[in-house]
Amino acid sequence: MPARRLSALCLMSLCLCLGPGAGDAEARGKTTLSAQKKSTQKDKKSKGDKKTTAKNSATKSSKKSNNKKSSKKTESAPKKPKKFRGVCRLQRAKNFLKRDRFVVNGQLRAQPHLKALKWRIEHYGKIEGVPFEKLNPSSAYSQAKQTRFMGLPIQVHEKIVPAISCVEKRIKLNCNGKSRRYSAKAIGGFRQANTYRQGEVSNHLFGIAIDIDPEKNPCCGCVDPWPNHPSCKNKDIKAVIDKAELTQCWVDAFERYGFYWLGRDALEDTMHFEFLGDPDRIIP
């Protein structure tokens, strides 16, 4: 058989053996590899996207947590107390806290009394057995502080210590003349037993009241034995200040810094001063 014809036959046989899909299979193989490569790339991209999302989510969560912590710190951070530098703001006693606003003709007026009582508890602390205890977690007596006034020891509420210091400074500066001078021998402040009746609460229980020399400065409207004091029985003495041995200069010094002299009350309690200003405004 001629060589050319033999070559042609072999070529035809080879084609028949391979079959008509041999070229397609090779193409399909290439297509499969390409698809696998793309799938791998997508998986890598998907994993990368998930990591990025998780990272961003963690960052946002961390920021929110930090913001919450910062907010809590801001909310819970107590105000720094003002430093007392020997100067007090001038102020008057608040009218609604004065005794004659809730005790009229010897009768206690419930609503005005409760209003004054609520304010005092909010600012100075609770008293066991007295309404509005829940308004203040601290008791008034837990905030008692020992100090000195005109050389004498006294225990009062810590908030009014600067005011007492300013009163003393004023007295020493201005009350030196013969008609202005007075020398205190005994003083009293904080008490834990109520001395008023009919539900009235004494400011001594809050540590914001001071009594000066009870034997020399009587309470003519109080219970016995005070009305029997010679100054109270003397009908020729008209001015309440003249029933006391302390001077008007002392009264003016106290009232300059938010105290109220109970000699102005129907009780004519000439020994008694009580702070009825705003304790948060004492220090400028």
C-alpha atoms as a PDB file:
ATOM      1  CA  MET A   1       0.000   0.000   0.000  1.00  0.00           C
ATOM      2  CA  PRO A   2       1.414   3.368  -0.842  1.00  0.00           C
ATOM      3  CA  ALA A   3       2.860   5.330   2.100  1.00  0.00           C
ATOM      4  CA  ARG A   4       0.557   8.366   1.694  1.00  0.00           C
ATOM      5  CA  ARG A   5      -2.602   6.255   1.830  1.00  0.00           C
ATOM      6  CA  LEU A   6      -1.301   4.436   4.938  1.00  0.00           C
ATOM      7  CA  SER A   7      -0.689   7.728   6.726  1.00  0.00           C
ATOM      8  CA  ALA A   8      -4.177   8.937   5.896  1.00  0.00           C
ATOM      9  CA  LEU A   9      -5.747   5.764   7.265  1.00  0.00           C
ATOM     10  CA  CYS A  10      -3.786   5.994  10.505  1.00  0.00           C
ATOM     11  CA  LEU A  11      -4.829   9.605  10.939  1.00  0.00           C
ATOM     12  CA  MET A  12      -8.511   8.651  10.465  1.00  0.00           C
ATOM     13  CA  SER A  13      -8.169   5.808  12.971  1.00  0.00           C
ATOM     14  CA  LEU A  14      -6.674   8.149  15.535  1.00  0.00           C
ATOM     15  CA  CYS A  15      -9.569  10.563  15.144  1.00  0.00           C
ATOM     16  CA  LEU A  16     -12.079   7.720  15.549  1.00  0.00           C
ATOM     17  CA  CYS A  17     -10.319   6.550  18.744  1.00  0.00           C
ATOM     18  CA  LEU A  18     -10.333   9.970  20.265  1.00  0.00           C
ATOM     19  CA  GLY A  19     -13.967  10.533  19.338  1.00  0.00           C
ATOM     20  CA  PRO A  20     -15.751  13.735  18.493  1.00  0.00           C
ATOM     21  CA  GLY A  21     -15.757  15.046  22.156  1.00  0.00           C
ATOM     22  CA  ALA A  22     -12.039  14.959  22.781  1.00  0.00           C
ATOM     23  CA  GLY A  23     -11.576  18.650  22.020  1.00  0.00           C
ATOM     24  CA  ASP A  24     -14.666  19.552  24.044  1.00  0.00           C
ATOM     25  CA  ALA A  25     -13.390  17.644  27.101  1.00  0.00           C
ATOM     26  CA  GLU A  26     -10.189  19.622  27.034  1.00  0.00           C
ATOM     27  CA  ALA A  27     -12.186  22.854  26.847  1.00  0.00           C
ATOM     28  CA  ARG A  28     -14.395  21.687  29.672  1.00  0.00           C
ATOM     29  CA  GLY A  29     -11.284  20.959  31.768  1.00  0.00           C
ATOM     30  CA  LYS A  30     -10.027  24.465  31.212  1.00  0.00           C
ATOM     31  CA  THR A  31     -13.472  25.872  32.066  1.00  0.00           C
ATOM     32  CA  THR A  32     -13.592  23.834  35.313  1.00  0.00           C
ATOM     33  CA  LEU A  33     -10.155  25.040  36.420  1.00  0.00           C
ATOM     34  CA  SER A  34     -11.191  28.627  35.665  1.00  0.00           C
ATOM     35  CA  ALA A  35     -14.397  28.219  37.706  1.00  0.00           C
ATOM     36  CA  GLN A  36     -12.507  26.717  40.644  1.00  0.00           C
ATOM     37  CA  LYS A  37     -10.045  29.587  40.541  1.00  0.00           C
ATOM     38  CA  LYS A  38     -12.875  32.155  40.578  1.00  0.00           C
ATOM     39  CA  SER A  39     -14.637  30.287  43.413  1.00  0.00           C
ATOM     40  CA  THR A  40     -11.434  30.319  45.469  1.00  0.00           C
ATOM     41  CA  GLN A  41     -11.044  34.042  44.860  1.00  0.00           C
ATOM     42  CA  LYS A  42     -14.672  34.651  45.927  1.00  0.00           C
ATOM     43  CA  ASP A  43     -14.164  32.615  49.115  1.00  0.00           C
ATOM     44  CA  LYS A  44     -11.063  34.614  49.967  1.00  0.00           C
ATOM     45  CA  LYS A  45     -12.898  37.872  49.301  1.00  0.00           C
ATOM     46  CA  SER A  46     -15.894  36.724  51.373  1.00  0.00           C
ATOM     47  CA  LYS A  47     -13.630  35.804  54.302  1.00  0.00           C
ATOM     48  CA  GLY A  48     -11.867  39.134  54.002  1.00  0.00           C
ATOM     49  CA  ASP A  49     -15.215  40.976  53.984  1.00  0.00           C
ATOM     50  CA  LYS A  50     -16.354  39.036  57.069  1.00  0.00           C
ATOM     51  CA  LYS A  51     -13.128  39.878  58.914  1.00  0.00           C
ATOM     52  CA  THR A  52     -13.508  43.569  57.981  1.00  0.00           C
ATOM     53  CA  THR A  53     -17.164  43.575  59.087  1.00  0.00           C
ATOM     54  CA  ALA A  54     -16.295  41.850  62.368  1.00  0.00           C
ATOM     55  CA  LYS A  55     -13.458  44.323  62.960  1.00  0.00           C
ATOM     56  CA  ASN A  56     -15.700  47.319  62.243  1.00  0.00           C
ATOM     57  CA  SER A  57     -18.410  45.884  64.499  1.00  0.00           C
ATOM     58  CA  ALA A  58     -15.905  45.349  67.315  1.00  0.00           C
ATOM     59  CA  THR A  59     -14.603  48.908  66.882  1.00  0.00           C
ATOM     60  CA  LYS A  60     -18.126  50.358  67.035  1.00  0.00           C
ATOM     61  CA  SER A  61     -18.954  48.209  70.069  1.00  0.00           C
ATOM     62  CA  SER A  62     -15.754  49.363  71.776  1.00  0.00           C
ATOM     63  CA  LYS A  63     -16.581  53.013  71.053  1.00  0.00           C
ATOM     64  CA  LYS A  64     -20.108  52.612  72.425  1.00  0.00           C
ATOM     65  CA  SER A  65     -18.750  50.901  75.529  1.00  0.00           C
ATOM     66  CA  ASN A  66     -16.208  53.673  76.052  1.00  0.00           C
ATOM     67  CA  ASN A  67     -18.890  56.309  75.534  1.00  0.00           C
ATOM     68  CA  LYS A  68     -21.124  54.610  78.104  1.00  0.00           C
ATOM     69  CA  LYS A  69     -18.268  54.394  80.597  1.00  0.00           C
ATOM     70  CA  SER A  70     -17.401  58.029  79.976  1.00  0.00           C
ATOM     71  CA  SER A  71     -21.060  59.019  80.372  1.00  0.00           C
ATOM     72  CA  LYS A  72     -21.352  57.066  83.625  1.00  0.00           C
ATOM     73  CA  LYS A  73     -18.185  58.672  84.979  1.00  0.00           C
ATOM     74  CA  THR A  74     -19.546  62.113  84.091  1.00  0.00           C
ATOM     75  CA  GLU A  75     -22.907  61.400  85.705  1.00  0.00           C
ATOM     76  CA  SER A  76     -21.541  59.789  88.859  1.00  0.00           C
ATOM     77  CA  ALA A  77     -18.656  62.211  89.402  1.00  0.00           C
ATOM     78  CA  PRO A  78     -19.555  64.309  92.484  1.00  0.00           C
ATOM     79  CA  LYS A  79     -19.086  68.036  92.444  1.00  0.00           C
ATOM     80  CA  LYS A  80     -15.884  69.165  94.051  1.00  0.00           C
ATOM     81  CA  PRO A  81     -16.662  71.109  97.232  1.00  0.00           C
ATOM     82  CA  LYS A  82     -15.700  74.748  97.114  1.00  0.00           C
ATOM     83  CA  LYS A  83     -12.677  75.649  99.169  1.00  0.00           C
ATOM     84  CA  PHE A  84     -13.452  78.082 101.984  1.00  0.00           C
ATOM     85  CA  ARG A  85     -11.103  81.061 101.892  1.00  0.00           C
ATOM     86  CA  GLY A  86     -12.545  83.068 104.784  1.00  0.00           C
ATOM     87  CA  VAL A  87     -15.178  84.909 102.719  1.00  0.00           C
ATOM     88  CA  CYS A  88     -18.950  84.246 102.673  1.00  0.00           C
ATOM     89  CA  ARG A  89     -21.684  85.390 100.342  1.00  0.00           C
ATOM     90  CA  LEU A  90     -24.163  87.799 101.930  1.00  0.00           C
ATOM     91  CA  GLN A  91     -27.677  86.363 102.022  1.00  0.00           C
ATOM     92  CA  ARG A  92     -30.985  86.623 103.845  1.00  0.00           C
ATOM     93  CA  ALA A  93     -32.988  83.921 105.551  1.00  0.00           C
ATOM     94  CA  LYS A  94     -35.563  82.289 103.271  1.00  0.00           C
ATOM     95  CA  ASN A  95     -39.047  83.392 104.301  1.00  0.00           C
ATOM     96  CA  PHE A  96     -40.738  79.988 103.883  1.00  0.00           C
ATOM     97  CA  LEU A  97     -38.254  78.492 106.362  1.00  0.00           C
ATOM     98  CA  LYS A  98     -39.060  80.993 109.109  1.00  0.00           C
ATOM     99  CA  ARG A  99     -41.074  79.567 111.981  1.00  0.00           C
ATOM    100  CA  ASP A 100     -43.793  82.240 111.831  1.00  0.00           C
ATOM    101  CA  ARG A 101     -44.722  80.999 108.325  1.00  0.00           C
ATOM    102  CA  PHE A 102     -45.903  77.616 109.594  1.00  0.00           C
ATOM    103  CA  VAL A 103     -46.755  78.305 113.254  1.00  0.00           C
ATOM    104  CA  VAL A 104     -49.532  80.883 113.540  1.00  0.00           C
ATOM    105  CA  ASN A 105     -51.184  81.710 116.873  1.00  0.00           C
ATOM    106  CA  GLY A 106     -49.545  78.676 118.373  1.00  0.00           C
ATOM    107  CA  GLN A 107     -51.013  76.343 115.746  1.00  0.00           C
ATOM    108  CA  LEU A 108     -48.911  74.345 113.332  1.00  0.00           C
ATOM    109  CA  ARG A 109     -49.934  74.741 109.686  1.00  0.00           C
ATOM    110  CA  ALA A 110     -49.295  71.346 108.094  1.00  0.00           C
ATOM    111  CA  GLN A 111     -48.544  72.199 104.466  1.00  0.00           C
ATOM    112  CA  PRO A 112     -46.127  75.115 105.032  1.00  0.00           C
ATOM    113  CA  HIS A 113     -44.411  73.094 107.752  1.00  0.00           C
ATOM    114  CA  LEU A 114     -43.985  70.050 105.478  1.00  0.00           C
ATOM    115  CA  LYS A 115     -42.625  72.277 102.709  1.00  0.00           C
ATOM    116  CA  ALA A 116     -39.958  73.700 105.028  1.00  0.00           C
ATOM    117  CA  LEU A 117     -39.223  70.262 106.480  1.00  0.00           C
ATOM    118  CA  LYS A 118     -38.774  68.694 103.035  1.00  0.00           C
ATOM    119  CA  TRP A 119     -36.311  71.416 101.996  1.00  0.00           C
ATOM    120  CA  ARG A 120     -34.228  70.967 105.140  1.00  0.00           C
ATOM    121  CA  ILE A 121     -34.056  67.185 104.739  1.00  0.00           C
ATOM    122  CA  GLU A 122     -32.997  67.509 101.100  1.00  0.00           C
ATOM    123  CA  HIS A 123     -30.194  69.921 102.037  1.00  0.00           C
ATOM    124  CA  TYR A 124     -29.038  68.635 105.437  1.00  0.00           C
ATOM    125  CA  GLY A 125     -30.079  64.992 105.777  1.00  0.00           C
ATOM    126  CA  LYS A 126     -32.819  62.783 107.143  1.00  0.00           C
ATOM    127  CA  ILE A 127     -33.938  62.437 110.751  1.00  0.00           C
ATOM    128  CA  GLU A 128     -35.242  59.121 112.009  1.00  0.00           C
ATOM    129  CA  GLY A 129     -39.007  59.079 112.417  1.00  0.00           C
ATOM    130  CA  VAL A 130     -39.485  62.349 110.540  1.00  0.00           C
ATOM    131  CA  PRO A 131     -41.329  62.459 107.140  1.00  0.00           C
ATOM    132  CA  PHE A 132     -39.352  62.467 103.864  1.00  0.00           C
ATOM    133  CA  GLU A 133     -36.593  60.151 105.151  1.00  0.00           C
ATOM    134  CA  LYS A 134     -36.288  58.616 101.678  1.00  0.00           C
ATOM    135  CA  LEU A 135     -35.320  61.953 100.137  1.00  0.00           C
ATOM    136  CA  ASN A 136     -31.811  61.795 101.568  1.00  0.00           C
ATOM    137  CA  PRO A 137     -29.757  58.629 102.182  1.00  0.00           C
ATOM    138  CA  SER A 138     -27.563  60.402 104.768  1.00  0.00           C
ATOM    139  CA  SER A 139     -28.697  61.405 108.225  1.00  0.00           C
ATOM    140  CA  ALA A 140     -28.221  64.980 109.351  1.00  0.00           C
ATOM    141  CA  TYR A 141     -26.222  63.912 112.382  1.00  0.00           C
ATOM    142  CA  SER A 142     -23.785  61.884 110.255  1.00  0.00           C
ATOM    143  CA  GLN A 143     -22.661  65.247 108.866  1.00  0.00           C
ATOM    144  CA  ALA A 144     -21.988  66.836 112.247  1.00  0.00           C
ATOM    145  CA  LYS A 145     -18.700  68.669 112.622  1.00  0.00           C
ATOM    146  CA  GLN A 146     -16.906  69.971 115.680  1.00  0.00           C
ATOM    147  CA  THR A 147     -15.753  73.571 115.397  1.00  0.00           C
ATOM    148  CA  ARG A 148     -15.271  76.638 117.586  1.00  0.00           C
ATOM    149  CA  PHE A 149     -17.195  79.898 117.851  1.00  0.00           C
ATOM    150  CA  MET A 150     -15.819  82.815 119.828  1.00  0.00           C
ATOM    151  CA  GLY A 151     -13.387  80.439 121.473  1.00  0.00           C
ATOM    152  CA  LEU A 152     -16.076  77.941 122.539  1.00  0.00           C
ATOM    153  CA  PRO A 153     -16.478  74.396 121.147  1.00  0.00           C
ATOM    154  CA  ILE A 154     -19.673  73.636 119.250  1.00  0.00           C
ATOM    155  CA  GLN A 155     -20.998  70.838 117.057  1.00  0.00           C
ATOM    156  CA  VAL A 156     -23.015  71.863 113.982  1.00  0.00           C
ATOM    157  CA  HIS A 157     -23.780  70.645 110.473  1.00  0.00           C
ATOM    158  CA  GLU A 158     -20.620  70.731 108.372  1.00  0.00           C
ATOM    159  CA  LYS A 159     -22.303  72.841 105.681  1.00  0.00           C
ATOM    160  CA  ILE A 160     -22.754  75.882 107.907  1.00  0.00           C
ATOM    161  CA  VAL A 161     -19.273  75.897 109.459  1.00  0.00           C
ATOM    162  CA  PRO A 162     -18.030  78.551 106.967  1.00  0.00           C
ATOM    163  CA  ALA A 163     -21.021  80.805 107.785  1.00  0.00           C
ATOM    164  CA  ILE A 164     -20.270  80.577 111.518  1.00  0.00           C
ATOM    165  CA  SER A 165     -16.672  81.510 110.804  1.00  0.00           C
ATOM    166  CA  CYS A 166     -17.783  84.583 108.857  1.00  0.00           C
ATOM    167  CA  VAL A 167     -20.152  85.637 111.669  1.00  0.00           C
ATOM    168  CA  GLU A 168     -17.334  85.384 114.191  1.00  0.00           C
ATOM    169  CA  LYS A 169     -15.043  87.435 111.956  1.00  0.00           C
ATOM    170  CA  ARG A 170     -17.745  90.114 111.607  1.00  0.00           C
ATOM    171  CA  ILE A 171     -18.363  90.262 115.364  1.00  0.00           C
ATOM    172  CA  LYS A 172     -14.662  90.627 116.125  1.00  0.00           C
ATOM    173  CA  LEU A 173     -14.369  93.390 113.563  1.00  0.00           C
ATOM    174  CA  ASN A 174     -17.469  95.470 114.387  1.00  0.00           C
ATOM    175  CA  CYS A 175     -18.822  94.606 117.834  1.00  0.00           C
ATOM    176  CA  ASN A 176     -16.150  96.201 119.998  1.00  0.00           C
ATOM    177  CA  GLY A 177     -17.826  99.363 121.334  1.00  0.00           C
ATOM    178  CA  LYS A 178     -19.371  99.504 124.805  1.00  0.00           C
ATOM    179  CA  SER A 179     -22.941  99.078 123.540  1.00  0.00           C
ATOM    180  CA  ARG A 180     -21.911  96.481 120.963  1.00  0.00           C
ATOM    181  CA  ARG A 181     -19.641  94.199 122.959  1.00  0.00           C
ATOM    182  CA  TYR A 182     -20.785  90.862 124.326  1.00  0.00           C
ATOM    183  CA  SER A 183     -18.848  87.883 125.657  1.00  0.00           C
ATOM    184  CA  ALA A 184     -20.439  84.439 125.260  1.00  0.00           C
ATOM    185  CA  LYS A 185     -19.865  81.882 128.025  1.00  0.00           C
ATOM    186  CA  ALA A 186     -21.909  78.887 126.840  1.00  0.00           C
ATOM    187  CA  ILE A 187     -23.220  77.785 123.437  1.00  0.00           C
ATOM    188  CA  GLY A 188     -25.091  74.776 122.070  1.00  0.00           C
ATOM    189  CA  GLY A 189     -25.647  73.381 118.597  1.00  0.00           C
ATOM    190  CA  PHE A 190     -26.563  69.883 117.407  1.00  0.00           C
ATOM    191  CA  ARG A 191     -29.165  67.919 119.381  1.00  0.00           C
ATOM    192  CA  GLN A 192     -30.662  64.510 118.808  1.00  0.00           C
ATOM    193  CA  ALA A 193     -33.823  65.048 120.880  1.00  0.00           C
ATOM    194  CA  ASN A 194     -36.653  67.257 119.661  1.00  0.00           C
ATOM    195  CA  THR A 195     -37.631  70.125 121.968  1.00  0.00           C
ATOM    196  CA  TYR A 196     -40.743  71.287 120.081  1.00  0.00           C
ATOM    197  CA  ARG A 197     -44.266  69.957 120.421  1.00  0.00           C
ATOM    198  CA  GLN A 198     -47.235  69.304 118.110  1.00  0.00           C
ATOM    199  CA  GLY A 199     -45.047  67.718 115.424  1.00  0.00           C
ATOM    200  CA  GLU A 200     -42.809  70.729 114.896  1.00  0.00           C
ATOM    201  CA  VAL A 201     -39.182  69.782 114.250  1.00  0.00           C
ATOM    202  CA  SER A 202     -36.396  71.804 115.839  1.00  0.00           C
ATOM    203  CA  ASN A 203     -33.552  73.055 113.665  1.00  0.00           C
ATOM    204  CA  HIS A 204     -31.179  71.798 116.352  1.00  0.00           C
ATOM    205  CA  LEU A 205     -31.859  68.307 114.955  1.00  0.00           C
ATOM    206  CA  PHE A 206     -30.401  69.424 111.620  1.00  0.00           C
ATOM    207  CA  GLY A 207     -27.397  71.052 113.253  1.00  0.00           C
ATOM    208  CA  ILE A 208     -28.235  74.498 111.866  1.00  0.00           C
ATOM    209  CA  ALA A 209     -29.314  76.183 115.132  1.00  0.00           C
ATOM    210  CA  ILE A 210     -27.185  77.787 117.840  1.00  0.00           C
ATOM    211  CA  ASP A 211     -28.168  78.779 121.393  1.00  0.00           C
ATOM    212  CA  ILE A 212     -26.038  81.393 123.147  1.00  0.00           C
ATOM    213  CA  ASP A 213     -26.043  81.712 126.951  1.00  0.00           C
ATOM    214  CA  PRO A 214     -29.595  80.494 127.764  1.00  0.00           C
ATOM    215  CA  GLU A 215     -29.341  81.902 131.297  1.00  0.00           C
ATOM    216  CA  LYS A 216     -28.648  85.414 130.004  1.00  0.00           C
ATOM    217  CA  ASN A 217     -30.775  85.370 126.856  1.00  0.00           C
ATOM    218  CA  PRO A 218     -34.220  83.936 127.723  1.00  0.00           C
ATOM    219  CA  CYS A 219     -36.978  82.457 125.589  1.00  0.00           C
ATOM    220  CA  CYS A 220     -39.969  84.345 126.990  1.00  0.00           C
ATOM    221  CA  GLY A 221     -42.498  82.434 124.872  1.00  0.00           C
ATOM    222  CA  CYS A 222     -41.180  78.970 125.656  1.00  0.00           C
ATOM    223  CA  VAL A 223     -42.357  76.549 128.307  1.00  0.00           C
ATOM    224  CA  ASP A 224     -41.449  76.895 131.979  1.00  0.00           C
ATOM    225  CA  PRO A 225     -39.170  77.964 133.491  1.00  0.00           C
ATOM    226  CA  TRP A 226     -38.289  80.500 130.775  1.00  0.00           C
ATOM    227  CA  PRO A 227     -41.295  82.843 131.159  1.00  0.00           C
ATOM    228  CA  ASN A 228     -40.268  83.361 134.782  1.00  0.00           C
ATOM    229  CA  HIS A 229     -36.994  84.947 133.789  1.00  0.00           C
ATOM    230  CA  PRO A 230     -36.778  88.523 135.252  1.00  0.00           C
ATOM    231  CA  SER A 231     -36.407  90.067 131.788  1.00  0.00           C
ATOM    232  CA  CYS A 232     -39.544  88.284 130.557  1.00  0.00           C
ATOM    233  CA  LYS A 233     -41.599  89.370 133.591  1.00  0.00           C
ATOM    234  CA  ASN A 234     -40.500  93.001 133.399  1.00  0.00           C
ATOM    235  CA  LYS A 235     -43.342  94.777 131.591  1.00  0.00           C
ATOM    236  CA  ASP A 236     -41.304  97.953 131.243  1.00  0.00           C
ATOM    237  CA  ILE A 237     -39.013  96.281 128.731  1.00  0.00           C
ATOM    238  CA  LYS A 238     -40.677  96.725 125.357  1.00  0.00           C
ATOM    239  CA  ALA A 239     -37.979  95.831 122.843  1.00  0.00           C
ATOM    240  CA  VAL A 240     -37.161  92.135 122.643  1.00  0.00           C
ATOM    241  CA  ILE A 241     -33.455  92.841 122.207  1.00  0.00           C
ATOM    242  CA  ASP A 242     -33.483  94.580 125.592  1.00  0.00           C
ATOM    243  CA  LYS A 243     -34.661  91.349 127.229  1.00  0.00           C
ATOM    244  CA  ALA A 244     -31.383  89.755 126.181  1.00  0.00           C
ATOM    245  CA  GLU A 245     -27.836  90.514 127.210  1.00  0.00           C
ATOM    246  CA  LEU A 246     -26.356  89.898 123.759  1.00  0.00           C
ATOM    247  CA  THR A 247     -26.304  93.005 121.584  1.00  0.00           C
ATOM    248  CA  GLN A 248     -27.944  94.117 118.368  1.00  0.00           C
ATOM    249  CA  CYS A 249     -24.512  94.079 116.781  1.00  0.00           C
ATOM    250  CA  TRP A 250     -24.371  90.309 117.297  1.00  0.00           C
ATOM    251  CA  VAL A 251     -27.850  89.879 115.814  1.00  0.00           C
ATOM    252  CA  ASP A 252     -26.851  91.930 112.751  1.00  0.00           C
ATOM    253  CA  ALA A 253     -23.658  89.916 112.288  1.00  0.00           C
ATOM    254  CA  PHE A 254     -25.575  86.620 112.254  1.00  0.00           C
ATOM    255  CA  GLU A 255     -28.328  87.849 109.955  1.00  0.00           C
ATOM    256  CA  ARG A 256     -25.794  89.237 107.489  1.00  0.00           C
ATOM    257  CA  TYR A 257     -24.869  85.654 106.538  1.00  0.00           C
ATOM    258  CA  GLY A 258     -28.245  83.911 106.299  1.00  0.00           C
ATOM    259  CA  PHE A 259     -29.061  83.296 109.967  1.00  0.00           C
ATOM    260  CA  TYR A 260     -32.399  84.204 111.517  1.00  0.00           C
ATOM    261  CA  TRP A 261     -32.742  85.432 115.106  1.00  0.00           C
ATOM    262  CA  LEU A 262     -35.693  83.738 116.803  1.00  0.00           C
ATOM    263  CA  GLY A 263     -36.103  86.773 119.027  1.00  0.00           C
ATOM    264  CA  ARG A 264     -38.191  88.097 116.111  1.00  0.00           C
ATOM    265  CA  ASP A 265     -40.592  85.167 116.474  1.00  0.00           C
ATOM    266  CA  ALA A 266     -43.602  84.980 118.810  1.00  0.00           C
ATOM    267  CA  LEU A 267     -41.446  82.789 121.058  1.00  0.00           C
ATOM    268  CA  GLU A 268     -39.060  85.711 121.668  1.00  0.00           C
ATOM    269  CA  ASP A 269     -36.274  83.143 121.843  1.00  0.00           C
ATOM    270  CA  THR A 270     -33.392  85.583 122.270  1.00  0.00           C
ATOM    271  CA  MET A 271     -30.662  82.947 122.691  1.00  0.00           C
ATOM    272  CA  HIS A 272     -31.468  81.202 119.389  1.00  0.00           C
ATOM    273  CA  PHE A 273     -30.036  81.710 115.887  1.00  0.00           C
ATOM    274  CA  GLU A 274     -30.721  79.350 112.992  1.00  0.00           C
ATOM    275  CA  PHE A 275     -29.300  79.253 109.504  1.00  0.00           C
ATOM    276  CA  LEU A 276     -32.185  79.655 107.043  1.00  0.00           C
ATOM    277  CA  GLY A 277     -30.179  80.694 103.987  1.00  0.00           C
ATOM    278  CA  ASP A 278     -28.984  78.436 101.177  1.00  0.00           C
ATOM    279  CA  PRO A 279     -26.041  76.307 102.397  1.00  0.00           C
ATOM    280  CA  ASP A 280     -24.857  75.814  98.818  1.00  0.00           C
ATOM    281  CA  ARG A 281     -24.428  79.573  98.406  1.00  0.00           C
ATOM    282  CA  ILE A 282     -22.396  80.301 101.546  1.00  0.00           C
ATOM    283  CA  ILE A 283     -19.026  80.100  99.772  1.00  0.00           C
ATOM    284  CA  PRO A 284     -18.798  82.395  96.704  1.00  0.00           C
END
